[in-house]
N, C-alpha and C. Protein backbone atom coordinates (compact mmCIF):
# COMPACT_ATOMS: atom_id res chain seq x y z
N MET A 1 115.18 61.48 107.94
CA MET A 1 114.78 62.63 107.68
C MET A 1 115.59 63.26 106.43
N ALA A 2 114.99 63.74 105.38
CA ALA A 2 116.11 64.29 104.51
C ALA A 2 116.55 65.43 104.61
N ASP A 3 117.98 65.62 104.07
CA ASP A 3 118.94 66.59 104.44
C ASP A 3 118.39 68.00 103.82
N THR A 4 118.15 69.35 104.55
CA THR A 4 118.06 70.57 104.17
C THR A 4 119.13 71.03 103.49
N GLN A 5 118.96 71.75 102.24
CA GLN A 5 119.35 72.27 101.47
C GLN A 5 119.28 73.85 101.40
N THR A 6 120.26 74.73 101.00
CA THR A 6 120.00 76.01 100.65
C THR A 6 119.99 76.13 99.45
N TYR A 7 119.22 76.71 98.83
CA TYR A 7 118.76 77.47 97.16
C TYR A 7 118.95 78.97 97.35
N LYS A 8 119.93 79.45 96.46
CA LYS A 8 119.79 80.93 96.00
C LYS A 8 119.35 81.22 94.93
N PHE A 9 118.46 82.29 94.48
CA PHE A 9 117.99 82.50 93.13
C PHE A 9 117.87 83.85 92.91
N ASN A 10 118.01 84.68 92.07
CA ASN A 10 117.78 85.84 91.55
C ASN A 10 116.48 85.89 91.02
N VAL A 11 115.50 86.64 91.68
CA VAL A 11 114.23 86.77 91.37
C VAL A 11 113.88 88.54 91.16
N GLY A 12 113.31 88.62 89.93
CA GLY A 12 112.99 90.23 89.47
C GLY A 12 111.88 90.74 90.27
N MET A 13 112.07 91.22 91.29
CA MET A 13 111.27 92.02 92.24
C MET A 13 111.11 93.51 92.17
N THR A 14 110.02 94.39 92.02
CA THR A 14 110.01 95.63 91.88
C THR A 14 109.39 96.28 92.97
N CYS A 15 108.81 95.50 93.95
CA CYS A 15 108.32 96.33 95.03
C CYS A 15 107.59 95.22 96.32
N GLY A 16 107.02 95.64 96.97
CA GLY A 16 107.00 94.69 98.84
C GLY A 16 105.62 93.51 98.10
N GLY A 17 104.67 94.12 97.27
CA GLY A 17 103.92 93.03 96.52
C GLY A 17 104.62 91.90 95.75
N CYS A 18 105.61 92.13 95.31
CA CYS A 18 106.26 91.12 94.54
C CYS A 18 106.91 90.12 95.46
N SER A 19 107.62 90.74 96.23
CA SER A 19 108.07 89.88 97.45
C SER A 19 107.36 88.88 98.37
N ASN A 20 106.11 89.71 98.43
CA ASN A 20 104.96 89.05 99.40
C ASN A 20 104.59 87.87 98.33
N ALA A 21 104.41 88.12 97.23
CA ALA A 21 103.91 87.04 96.15
C ALA A 21 104.68 85.57 96.47
N VAL A 22 106.02 86.10 96.14
CA VAL A 22 107.15 85.21 96.29
C VAL A 22 107.13 84.38 97.69
N ASN A 23 107.26 85.26 98.65
CA ASN A 23 107.01 84.31 99.97
C ASN A 23 106.08 83.74 100.01
N ARG A 24 104.89 84.15 99.57
CA ARG A 24 103.67 83.24 99.83
C ARG A 24 103.83 81.91 99.10
N ALA A 25 104.23 81.79 98.05
CA ALA A 25 104.39 80.81 97.31
C ALA A 25 105.18 79.96 98.04
N LEU A 26 106.22 80.43 98.53
CA LEU A 26 107.39 79.41 99.06
C LEU A 26 106.74 78.81 100.27
N THR A 27 106.35 79.86 101.03
CA THR A 27 105.92 79.25 102.41
C THR A 27 104.73 77.94 102.41
N LYS A 28 104.17 77.94 101.11
CA LYS A 28 103.05 77.08 100.81
C LYS A 28 103.65 75.49 100.74
N LEU A 29 105.03 75.75 100.65
CA LEU A 29 105.45 74.33 99.69
C LEU A 29 105.77 73.32 101.01
N ASP A 30 105.18 72.21 100.97
CA ASP A 30 106.01 71.08 101.70
C ASP A 30 107.52 71.02 101.89
N GLY A 31 108.21 71.10 102.77
CA GLY A 31 109.61 70.88 102.89
C GLY A 31 110.20 72.17 102.75
N VAL A 32 109.54 73.49 102.53
CA VAL A 32 110.48 74.68 103.01
C VAL A 32 110.39 74.94 104.44
N SER A 33 111.76 75.31 105.11
CA SER A 33 111.66 75.60 106.28
C SER A 33 111.91 76.93 106.75
N LYS A 34 112.90 77.42 105.55
CA LYS A 34 112.92 79.07 105.56
C LYS A 34 112.99 79.56 104.66
N VAL A 35 112.47 80.93 104.52
CA VAL A 35 112.72 81.67 103.24
C VAL A 35 113.21 82.85 103.69
N ASP A 36 114.12 83.60 102.88
CA ASP A 36 114.76 84.98 103.40
C ASP A 36 114.74 85.55 101.71
N ILE A 37 114.32 86.96 102.06
CA ILE A 37 113.93 87.82 100.51
C ILE A 37 114.43 88.86 100.79
N SER A 38 115.45 89.43 99.91
CA SER A 38 116.10 91.00 100.05
C SER A 38 115.63 91.32 98.53
N LEU A 39 114.59 92.35 98.85
CA LEU A 39 114.02 93.06 97.64
C LEU A 39 115.34 93.76 97.03
N GLU A 40 115.91 94.18 97.87
CA GLU A 40 117.13 95.34 97.64
C GLU A 40 118.00 94.87 96.61
N THR A 41 118.67 93.47 96.98
CA THR A 41 119.46 92.57 96.10
C THR A 41 118.53 92.05 95.23
N GLN A 42 117.76 91.56 95.27
CA GLN A 42 116.68 90.71 94.46
C GLN A 42 117.05 89.29 94.47
N ILE A 43 117.67 89.07 95.81
CA ILE A 43 118.18 87.80 96.27
C ILE A 43 116.85 87.07 97.19
N VAL A 44 116.49 85.77 96.57
CA VAL A 44 115.67 84.67 97.55
C VAL A 44 116.33 83.65 98.25
N GLU A 45 116.70 83.43 99.30
CA GLU A 45 117.52 82.20 99.75
C GLU A 45 116.28 81.57 100.69
N VAL A 46 116.33 80.10 100.21
CA VAL A 46 115.13 79.07 100.58
C VAL A 46 116.19 77.72 101.46
N GLN A 47 115.61 77.48 102.50
CA GLN A 47 116.24 76.47 103.02
C GLN A 47 115.33 75.31 103.06
N ALA A 48 115.39 74.22 102.29
CA ALA A 48 113.96 73.22 102.04
C ALA A 48 115.01 71.84 101.94
N THR A 49 113.99 70.79 102.14
CA THR A 49 114.26 69.35 101.84
C THR A 49 113.57 69.20 100.62
N ILE A 50 113.27 69.60 99.55
CA ILE A 50 112.84 69.31 98.31
C ILE A 50 113.84 69.64 97.50
N PRO A 51 113.82 69.27 96.07
CA PRO A 51 114.56 69.37 95.13
C PRO A 51 114.33 71.07 94.74
N GLN A 52 115.80 71.49 94.44
CA GLN A 52 115.79 72.78 93.90
C GLN A 52 114.63 72.82 92.52
N ALA A 53 114.40 72.11 91.78
CA ALA A 53 113.58 72.49 91.05
C ALA A 53 112.38 72.51 91.18
N ASP A 54 112.01 72.25 92.39
CA ASP A 54 110.53 72.37 92.91
C ASP A 54 109.97 73.61 93.35
N VAL A 55 111.35 74.10 94.13
CA VAL A 55 111.42 75.71 94.67
C VAL A 55 111.14 76.33 93.31
N LEU A 56 112.16 76.27 92.30
CA LEU A 56 112.13 77.15 91.05
C LEU A 56 110.82 77.11 90.24
N GLU A 57 110.22 76.41 90.63
CA GLU A 57 108.93 75.89 89.71
C GLU A 57 107.77 76.84 90.52
N ALA A 58 107.86 76.80 91.88
CA ALA A 58 107.07 77.44 92.43
C ALA A 58 107.18 79.03 92.60
N ILE A 59 108.56 79.53 92.28
CA ILE A 59 108.96 81.12 92.18
C ILE A 59 108.24 81.14 90.73
N LYS A 60 108.61 80.52 89.76
CA LYS A 60 108.12 80.72 88.46
C LYS A 60 106.64 81.04 88.18
N LYS A 61 105.79 80.21 89.04
CA LYS A 61 103.98 80.24 89.07
C LYS A 61 103.89 81.91 89.66
N THR A 62 104.67 82.47 90.10
CA THR A 62 104.32 84.10 90.68
C THR A 62 104.59 84.91 89.25
N GLY A 63 105.27 84.65 88.31
CA GLY A 63 105.11 85.11 87.06
C GLY A 63 106.64 86.26 87.02
N LYS A 64 107.13 85.96 88.27
CA LYS A 64 108.46 86.85 88.27
C LYS A 64 109.73 86.10 87.31
N PRO A 65 110.57 86.76 86.88
CA PRO A 65 111.78 86.05 86.07
C PRO A 65 112.69 85.90 87.14
N VAL A 66 113.26 84.55 87.23
CA VAL A 66 113.81 83.73 88.47
C VAL A 66 115.15 83.11 87.61
N THR A 67 116.40 83.29 88.06
CA THR A 67 117.32 82.60 87.63
C THR A 67 118.12 81.73 89.03
N PRO A 68 118.62 80.49 89.33
CA PRO A 68 119.05 79.92 90.17
C PRO A 68 120.38 80.36 90.38
N LEU A 69 121.21 80.62 91.20
CA LEU A 69 122.46 80.98 91.74
C LEU A 69 123.41 79.98 91.90
């Protein structure tokens, strides 16, 4: 089994709808085991067994500005 990694991203989210869109995109990915989203700090923390680039691409597809931390 692949090792689980924790990735953090700064994601430009302005409302609950934004954070829900990011959450839906990430929870659909195979290999993602946990998603923590803070709308206040605009930080998304993801635990996954897939590469960070795959997680980053899924967040980008929501149309939100995203920067890996």
